[in-house]
Amino acid sequence: CLDDFIDNSRMMIFETFCRIHQCISISMLAEKLNMTTEEAEKWIVNLIRNAKLDAKIDSQQGTVVMGVETNSPYQQLIEKTKALSFRSQMLLMNIEKKKKAQDAPNWGAADF
């Protein structure tokens, strides 16, 4: 249980660094993950092998270079229109609510 917690914590820290930085020093990463440089490099290699990470290791400079995620135009279109149906439905509900409020008799009016 403790090992799972440590692994998940390391993964979360590493993912955060990956989102922020394009190029990460393995020695700095090893320090943050509480590992030796060799352990950190092996751990990252295993992530790359298991297809959990799009990155390359530059052993000469001691860095991890993150791959650039590029979405196809088709995928970009899907992402932008994902919530379109929900937003349209909410808009329709708001319009219907306003229409009902306008059509309802106003019992509190002074001119009845």
N, C-alpha and C. Protein backbone atom coordinates (compact mmCIF):
# COMPACT_ATOMS: atom_id res chain seq x y z
N CYS A 1 0.83 -1.19 0.00
CA CYS A 1 0.00 0.00 0.00
C CYS A 1 0.88 1.27 0.00
N LEU A 2 1.93 1.24 0.82
CA LEU A 2 2.84 2.38 0.87
C LEU A 2 3.58 2.54 -0.46
N ASP A 3 3.98 1.42 -1.06
CA ASP A 3 4.67 1.49 -2.35
C ASP A 3 3.77 2.07 -3.44
N ASP A 4 2.49 1.70 -3.43
CA ASP A 4 1.54 2.26 -4.40
C ASP A 4 1.38 3.77 -4.20
N PHE A 5 1.32 4.18 -2.94
CA PHE A 5 1.21 5.60 -2.63
C PHE A 5 2.43 6.37 -3.14
N ILE A 6 3.61 5.82 -2.89
CA ILE A 6 4.84 6.47 -3.32
C ILE A 6 4.90 6.54 -4.85
N ASP A 7 4.55 5.43 -5.52
CA ASP A 7 4.55 5.42 -6.99
C ASP A 7 3.57 6.43 -7.56
N ASN A 8 2.37 6.48 -7.00
CA ASN A 8 1.37 7.43 -7.49
C ASN A 8 1.78 8.88 -7.21
N SER A 9 2.41 9.10 -6.07
CA SER A 9 2.90 10.45 -5.74
C SER A 9 3.98 10.88 -6.72
N ARG A 10 4.90 9.97 -7.00
CA ARG A 10 5.97 10.28 -7.96
C ARG A 10 5.39 10.57 -9.33
N MET A 11 4.41 9.79 -9.71
CA MET A 11 3.78 9.99 -11.02
C MET A 11 3.10 11.35 -11.09
N MET A 12 2.42 11.75 -10.03
CA MET A 12 1.74 13.04 -10.01
C MET A 12 2.75 14.19 -10.09
N ILE A 13 3.82 14.10 -9.33
CA ILE A 13 4.86 15.13 -9.36
C ILE A 13 5.48 15.20 -10.75
N PHE A 14 5.77 14.05 -11.32
CA PHE A 14 6.39 14.00 -12.64
C PHE A 14 5.47 14.57 -13.70
N GLU A 15 4.18 14.22 -13.66
CA GLU A 15 3.22 14.75 -14.64
C GLU A 15 3.11 16.27 -14.53
N THR A 16 3.16 16.78 -13.31
CA THR A 16 3.10 18.23 -13.12
C THR A 16 4.31 18.91 -13.76
N PHE A 17 5.50 18.35 -13.52
CA PHE A 17 6.70 18.90 -14.15
C PHE A 17 6.61 18.82 -15.67
N CYS A 18 6.08 17.72 -16.18
CA CYS A 18 5.97 17.55 -17.64
C CYS A 18 5.05 18.58 -18.27
N ARG A 19 3.97 18.93 -17.57
CA ARG A 19 3.04 19.92 -18.10
C ARG A 19 3.67 21.31 -18.15
N ILE A 20 4.56 21.58 -17.21
CA ILE A 20 5.15 22.91 -17.10
C ILE A 20 6.37 23.07 -17.98
N HIS A 21 7.22 22.04 -18.04
CA HIS A 21 8.52 22.15 -18.70
C HIS A 21 8.62 21.25 -19.92
N GLN A 22 9.32 21.71 -20.91
CA GLN A 22 9.59 20.93 -22.13
C GLN A 22 10.81 20.05 -21.94
N CYS A 23 11.79 20.54 -21.21
CA CYS A 23 13.05 19.83 -20.98
C CYS A 23 13.33 19.81 -19.48
N ILE A 24 13.51 18.60 -18.92
CA ILE A 24 13.65 18.44 -17.48
C ILE A 24 14.96 17.76 -17.16
N SER A 25 15.70 18.28 -16.20
CA SER A 25 16.95 17.69 -15.76
C SER A 25 16.65 16.43 -14.94
N ILE A 26 17.30 15.32 -15.30
CA ILE A 26 17.06 14.08 -14.59
C ILE A 26 17.55 14.17 -13.15
N SER A 27 18.66 14.84 -12.90
CA SER A 27 19.17 14.96 -11.54
C SER A 27 18.21 15.77 -10.66
N MET A 28 17.66 16.86 -11.18
CA MET A 28 16.71 17.66 -10.44
C MET A 28 15.43 16.86 -10.19
N LEU A 29 15.00 16.12 -11.20
CA LEU A 29 13.81 15.28 -11.09
C LEU A 29 14.03 14.18 -10.05
N ALA A 30 15.21 13.58 -10.06
CA ALA A 30 15.53 12.53 -9.09
C ALA A 30 15.47 13.08 -7.67
N GLU A 31 15.94 14.30 -7.49
CA GLU A 31 15.89 14.93 -6.17
C GLU A 31 14.45 15.14 -5.72
N LYS A 32 13.60 15.62 -6.62
CA LYS A 32 12.20 15.88 -6.29
C LYS A 32 11.43 14.59 -6.03
N LEU A 33 11.82 13.50 -6.73
CA LEU A 33 11.13 12.22 -6.57
C LEU A 33 11.74 11.35 -5.48
N ASN A 34 12.76 11.88 -4.80
CA ASN A 34 13.44 11.15 -3.73
C ASN A 34 14.04 9.84 -4.26
N MET A 35 14.78 9.94 -5.36
CA MET A 35 15.43 8.80 -6.00
C MET A 35 16.86 9.19 -6.34
N THR A 36 17.66 8.18 -6.65
CA THR A 36 18.97 8.48 -7.20
C THR A 36 18.79 8.79 -8.68
N THR A 37 19.81 9.38 -9.29
CA THR A 37 19.72 9.72 -10.71
C THR A 37 19.52 8.47 -11.56
N GLU A 38 20.22 7.40 -11.22
CA GLU A 38 20.09 6.15 -11.99
C GLU A 38 18.69 5.57 -11.84
N GLU A 39 18.14 5.59 -10.61
CA GLU A 39 16.78 5.08 -10.39
C GLU A 39 15.75 5.90 -11.16
N ALA A 40 15.93 7.22 -11.15
CA ALA A 40 15.00 8.10 -11.85
C ALA A 40 15.05 7.84 -13.35
N GLU A 41 16.25 7.65 -13.89
CA GLU A 41 16.38 7.39 -15.31
C GLU A 41 15.72 6.07 -15.69
N LYS A 42 15.91 5.05 -14.88
CA LYS A 42 15.26 3.75 -15.13
C LYS A 42 13.75 3.87 -15.03
N TRP A 43 13.28 4.62 -14.06
CA TRP A 43 11.85 4.81 -13.87
C TRP A 43 11.23 5.50 -15.09
N ILE A 44 11.91 6.52 -15.60
CA ILE A 44 11.42 7.25 -16.77
C ILE A 44 11.47 6.36 -18.01
N VAL A 45 12.52 5.56 -18.15
CA VAL A 45 12.61 4.62 -19.28
C VAL A 45 11.43 3.67 -19.24
N ASN A 46 11.08 3.16 -18.06
CA ASN A 46 9.93 2.26 -17.95
C ASN A 46 8.63 2.95 -18.33
N LEU A 47 8.49 4.23 -17.96
CA LEU A 47 7.29 4.98 -18.37
C LEU A 47 7.21 5.11 -19.88
N ILE A 48 8.34 5.39 -20.50
CA ILE A 48 8.36 5.53 -21.96
C ILE A 48 8.04 4.19 -22.61
N ARG A 49 8.63 3.12 -22.10
CA ARG A 49 8.38 1.78 -22.66
C ARG A 49 6.92 1.37 -22.54
N ASN A 50 6.30 1.71 -21.43
CA ASN A 50 4.91 1.32 -21.21
C ASN A 50 3.93 2.26 -21.90
N ALA A 51 4.46 3.15 -22.74
CA ALA A 51 3.65 4.09 -23.53
C ALA A 51 2.83 5.04 -22.67
N LYS A 52 3.28 5.30 -21.46
CA LYS A 52 2.60 6.27 -20.62
C LYS A 52 3.19 7.66 -20.80
N LEU A 53 4.26 7.75 -21.58
CA LEU A 53 4.96 9.02 -21.68
C LEU A 53 5.53 9.19 -23.08
N ASP A 54 5.29 10.35 -23.65
CA ASP A 54 5.85 10.69 -24.95
C ASP A 54 7.07 11.58 -24.70
N ALA A 55 8.23 10.94 -24.54
CA ALA A 55 9.44 11.69 -24.22
C ALA A 55 10.66 10.92 -24.69
N LYS A 56 11.78 11.63 -24.71
CA LYS A 56 13.07 11.04 -25.05
C LYS A 56 14.08 11.44 -23.99
N ILE A 57 15.02 10.54 -23.71
CA ILE A 57 16.06 10.84 -22.74
C ILE A 57 17.33 11.20 -23.48
N ASP A 58 17.89 12.35 -23.14
CA ASP A 58 19.18 12.77 -23.68
C ASP A 58 20.22 12.46 -22.61
N SER A 59 20.89 11.32 -22.75
CA SER A 59 21.84 10.85 -21.73
C SER A 59 23.07 11.75 -21.64
N GLN A 60 23.48 12.36 -22.75
CA GLN A 60 24.66 13.23 -22.72
C GLN A 60 24.42 14.47 -21.87
N GLN A 61 23.25 15.05 -22.00
CA GLN A 61 22.94 16.25 -21.22
C GLN A 61 22.24 15.92 -19.91
N GLY A 62 21.78 14.68 -19.75
CA GLY A 62 21.09 14.29 -18.53
C GLY A 62 19.72 14.91 -18.39
N THR A 63 18.98 14.94 -19.50
CA THR A 63 17.66 15.56 -19.50
C THR A 63 16.62 14.65 -20.11
N VAL A 64 15.38 14.95 -19.80
CA VAL A 64 14.23 14.31 -20.43
C VAL A 64 13.59 15.38 -21.30
N VAL A 65 13.43 15.09 -22.58
CA VAL A 65 12.83 16.04 -23.52
C VAL A 65 11.43 15.54 -23.83
N MET A 66 10.45 16.35 -23.49
CA MET A 66 9.06 15.96 -23.67
C MET A 66 8.64 16.10 -25.12
N GLY A 67 7.84 15.14 -25.58
CA GLY A 67 7.29 15.19 -26.92
C GLY A 67 6.16 16.19 -26.98
N VAL A 68 5.91 16.71 -28.15
CA VAL A 68 4.85 17.70 -28.34
C VAL A 68 3.60 16.96 -28.79
N GLU A 69 2.51 17.18 -28.05
CA GLU A 69 1.26 16.57 -28.44
C GLU A 69 0.56 17.47 -29.45
N THR A 70 0.38 16.95 -30.64
CA THR A 70 -0.35 17.70 -31.65
C THR A 70 -1.60 16.92 -32.00
N ASN A 71 -2.73 17.58 -31.90
CA ASN A 71 -3.98 16.95 -32.25
C ASN A 71 -4.28 17.20 -33.72
N SER A 72 -4.86 16.21 -34.34
CA SER A 72 -5.27 16.38 -35.72
C SER A 72 -6.42 17.38 -35.78
N PRO A 73 -6.65 17.99 -36.93
CA PRO A 73 -7.78 18.93 -37.03
C PRO A 73 -9.11 18.26 -36.67
N TYR A 74 -9.25 16.99 -37.00
CA TYR A 74 -10.46 16.26 -36.66
C TYR A 74 -10.62 16.19 -35.14
N GLN A 75 -9.54 15.86 -34.43
CA GLN A 75 -9.57 15.77 -32.97
C GLN A 75 -9.84 17.14 -32.35
N GLN A 76 -9.27 18.20 -32.91
CA GLN A 76 -9.51 19.54 -32.40
C GLN A 76 -10.99 19.91 -32.53
N LEU A 77 -11.59 19.54 -33.66
CA LEU A 77 -13.01 19.81 -33.88
C LEU A 77 -13.86 19.07 -32.86
N ILE A 78 -13.53 17.83 -32.59
CA ILE A 78 -14.28 17.05 -31.60
C ILE A 78 -14.18 17.69 -30.23
N GLU A 79 -12.97 18.12 -29.84
CA GLU A 79 -12.79 18.75 -28.53
C GLU A 79 -13.59 20.04 -28.39
N LYS A 80 -13.63 20.84 -29.45
CA LYS A 80 -14.33 22.11 -29.38
C LYS A 80 -15.84 21.95 -29.38
N THR A 81 -16.36 20.88 -29.98
CA THR A 81 -17.81 20.70 -30.05
C THR A 81 -18.33 19.68 -29.04
N LYS A 82 -17.47 19.21 -28.16
CA LYS A 82 -17.85 18.19 -27.20
C LYS A 82 -19.02 18.62 -26.33
N ALA A 83 -19.00 19.83 -25.84
CA ALA A 83 -20.04 20.30 -24.93
C ALA A 83 -21.13 21.08 -25.65
N LEU A 84 -21.12 21.09 -26.96
CA LEU A 84 -22.09 21.88 -27.72
C LEU A 84 -23.52 21.42 -27.46
N SER A 85 -23.77 20.14 -27.44
CA SER A 85 -25.11 19.62 -27.20
C SER A 85 -25.63 20.03 -25.84
N PHE A 86 -24.81 19.91 -24.82
CA PHE A 86 -25.21 20.29 -23.46
C PHE A 86 -25.51 21.78 -23.38
N ARG A 87 -24.63 22.59 -23.95
CA ARG A 87 -24.84 24.04 -23.90
C ARG A 87 -26.10 24.44 -24.64
N SER A 88 -26.39 23.78 -25.76
CA SER A 88 -27.60 24.08 -26.52
C SER A 88 -28.84 23.72 -25.72
N GLN A 89 -28.81 22.59 -25.04
CA GLN A 89 -29.93 22.17 -24.23
C GLN A 89 -30.17 23.14 -23.07
N MET A 90 -29.11 23.61 -22.44
CA MET A 90 -29.24 24.57 -21.34
C MET A 90 -29.82 25.89 -21.85
N LEU A 91 -29.40 26.32 -23.02
CA LEU A 91 -29.92 27.54 -23.61
C LEU A 91 -31.42 27.41 -23.89
N LEU A 92 -31.83 26.27 -24.42
CA LEU A 92 -33.24 26.03 -24.70
C LEU A 92 -34.06 26.04 -23.41
N MET A 93 -33.55 25.43 -22.36
CA MET A 93 -34.26 25.41 -21.08
C MET A 93 -34.41 26.82 -20.52
N ASN A 94 -33.39 27.65 -20.64
CA ASN A 94 -33.46 29.03 -20.15
C ASN A 94 -34.47 29.85 -20.95
N ILE A 95 -34.52 29.64 -22.24
CA ILE A 95 -35.48 30.36 -23.08
C ILE A 95 -36.90 29.95 -22.71
N GLU A 96 -37.12 28.64 -22.53
CA GLU A 96 -38.45 28.16 -22.16
C GLU A 96 -38.86 28.70 -20.79
N LYS A 97 -37.94 28.78 -19.86
CA LYS A 97 -38.22 29.29 -18.52
C LYS A 97 -38.64 30.75 -18.59
N LYS A 98 -37.95 31.55 -19.41
CA LYS A 98 -38.31 32.97 -19.55
C LYS A 98 -39.67 33.13 -20.22
N LYS A 99 -39.95 32.28 -21.20
CA LYS A 99 -41.24 32.35 -21.90
C LYS A 99 -42.38 32.04 -20.95
N LYS A 100 -42.20 31.01 -20.11
CA LYS A 100 -43.23 30.66 -19.13
C LYS A 100 -43.43 31.80 -18.14
N ALA A 101 -42.36 32.44 -17.73
CA ALA A 101 -42.46 33.55 -16.78
C ALA A 101 -43.21 34.73 -17.40
N GLN A 102 -43.04 34.96 -18.69
CA GLN A 102 -43.73 36.06 -19.37
C GLN A 102 -45.20 35.75 -19.58
N ASP A 103 -45.52 34.46 -19.88
CA ASP A 103 -46.90 34.07 -20.16
C ASP A 103 -47.73 33.86 -18.90
N ALA A 104 -47.10 33.67 -17.77
CA ALA A 104 -47.82 33.41 -16.52
C ALA A 104 -48.53 34.68 -16.08
N PRO A 105 -49.75 34.52 -15.51
CA PRO A 105 -50.45 35.72 -15.02
C PRO A 105 -49.70 36.33 -13.83
N ASN A 106 -49.74 37.61 -13.78
CA ASN A 106 -49.04 38.35 -12.73
C ASN A 106 -50.06 38.70 -11.66
N TRP A 107 -50.26 37.87 -10.65
CA TRP A 107 -51.27 38.07 -9.63
C TRP A 107 -50.93 39.20 -8.68
N GLY A 108 -49.71 39.61 -8.64
CA GLY A 108 -49.34 40.68 -7.72
C GLY A 108 -49.42 42.06 -8.35
N ALA A 109 -49.89 42.15 -9.59
CA ALA A 109 -49.91 43.45 -10.27
C ALA A 109 -51.05 44.32 -9.71
N ALA A 110 -50.88 45.62 -9.76
CA ALA A 110 -51.84 46.56 -9.20
C ALA A 110 -53.03 46.80 -10.14
N ASP A 111 -52.91 46.46 -11.41
CA ASP A 111 -53.95 46.79 -12.37
C ASP A 111 -54.86 45.60 -12.69
N PHE A 112 -55.29 44.85 -11.71
CA PHE A 112 -56.13 43.72 -12.06
C PHE A 112 -57.53 43.94 -11.76
